[in-house]
Structure formats: C-alpha cells, structure tokens
Amino acid sequence: MSRHPDPRDDLATLAARIDALVAVVQRLSDENRRLVQAQEQLAGERAQLLSKNEQARTRVEAMIQRLKSMEANP
C-alpha cells in the first residue's frame, strides 16, 4: 500500500526553507551594511592621508627652494 505524501509536510518543509532563506538574507544585509560603513570610513581615512601627503610634499618643496636660494646667495 503506497502512502500519499501529506501536503502539510510539504508546507512545513517549504516554511522551513523560507525561514532559512530569510535568515541568510538578513545576515547578508547586515554584512553589507557593515561593509558599506567600513568602505566609507576607509575612504575618509584615505582622503585625510592624501591631504597630509600633499601638505608634506608642499613643505618639502618649500624647504628645497629655501635651500637652493641659500646656495645661490652665500
């Protein structure tokens, strides 16, 4: 005698799979939010470092010019 599958079993399986999928989507959403925040923070740090690098380059160039002028006018 063959037993027919109970539609409630299929429904319970589907509900469990949907719950698992919702959990994965939530985890990925949280991870994406954290990654976006980290990316924004790193972009800000990069901008600060570029600015500091430009300031240092300007100061070094100014020092070189002063040294050259001191050599030219002993």
Protein backbone atom coordinates (compact mmCIF):
# COMPACT_ATOMS: atom_id res chain seq x y z
CA MET A 1 0.00 0.00 0.00
CA SER A 2 1.54 3.29 -1.06
CA ARG A 3 1.25 6.24 1.19
CA HIS A 4 0.48 9.63 -0.33
CA PRO A 5 2.65 12.47 0.89
CA ASP A 6 0.90 14.78 3.29
CA PRO A 7 0.68 18.30 1.83
CA ARG A 8 1.29 19.61 5.34
CA ASP A 9 4.76 18.02 5.26
CA ASP A 10 5.50 19.84 2.01
CA LEU A 11 4.21 23.07 3.54
CA ALA A 12 6.33 22.62 6.65
CA THR A 13 9.39 21.93 4.51
CA LEU A 14 8.70 25.00 2.40
CA ALA A 15 8.19 27.13 5.52
CA ALA A 16 11.50 25.90 6.96
CA ARG A 17 13.31 26.68 3.71
CA ILE A 18 11.75 30.15 3.60
CA ASP A 19 12.81 30.78 7.21
CA ALA A 20 16.35 29.70 6.37
CA LEU A 21 16.36 31.95 3.31
CA VAL A 22 15.10 34.92 5.34
CA ALA A 23 17.90 34.31 7.86
CA VAL A 24 20.50 34.27 5.06
CA VAL A 25 19.11 37.46 3.55
CA GLN A 26 19.19 39.18 6.95
CA ARG A 27 22.78 38.05 7.56
CA LEU A 28 23.86 39.27 4.13
CA SER A 29 22.07 42.56 4.62
CA ASP A 30 23.82 43.10 7.96
CA GLU A 31 27.18 42.17 6.44
CA ASN A 32 26.58 44.52 3.50
CA ARG A 33 25.73 47.38 5.87
CA ARG A 34 28.94 46.78 7.84
CA LEU A 35 30.99 46.63 4.65
CA VAL A 36 29.50 49.88 3.36
CA GLN A 37 30.31 51.58 6.67
CA ALA A 38 33.86 50.23 6.58
CA GLN A 39 34.28 51.39 3.00
CA GLU A 40 33.06 54.88 3.90
CA GLN A 41 35.46 55.01 6.86
CA LEU A 42 38.38 53.86 4.71
CA ALA A 43 37.53 56.42 2.02
CA GLY A 44 37.59 59.15 4.68
CA GLU A 45 40.91 57.95 6.04
CA ARG A 46 42.32 57.82 2.51
CA ALA A 47 41.23 61.41 1.86
CA GLN A 48 42.92 62.53 5.08
CA LEU A 49 46.12 60.70 4.18
CA LEU A 50 46.13 62.20 0.68
CA SER A 51 45.71 65.65 2.19
CA LYS A 52 48.54 65.09 4.68
CA ASN A 53 50.74 63.76 1.89
CA GLU A 54 50.06 66.87 -0.22
CA GLN A 55 50.86 69.13 2.75
CA ALA A 56 54.13 67.28 3.36
CA ARG A 57 55.05 67.49 -0.33
CA THR A 58 54.39 71.23 -0.33
CA ARG A 59 56.56 71.71 2.79
CA VAL A 60 59.40 69.64 1.33
CA GLU A 61 59.26 71.59 -1.93
CA ALA A 62 59.37 74.86 0.03
CA MET A 63 62.40 73.63 2.01
CA ILE A 64 64.17 72.66 -1.21
CA GLN A 65 63.52 76.11 -2.65
CA ARG A 66 64.90 77.76 0.51
CA LEU A 67 67.99 75.57 0.38
CA LYS A 68 68.53 76.41 -3.28
CA SER A 69 68.18 80.12 -2.56
CA MET A 70 70.68 79.81 0.34
CA GLU A 71 73.17 78.11 -2.00
CA ALA A 72 72.71 80.79 -4.62
CA ASN A 73 73.20 83.59 -2.06
CA PRO A 74 76.06 82.51 0.25
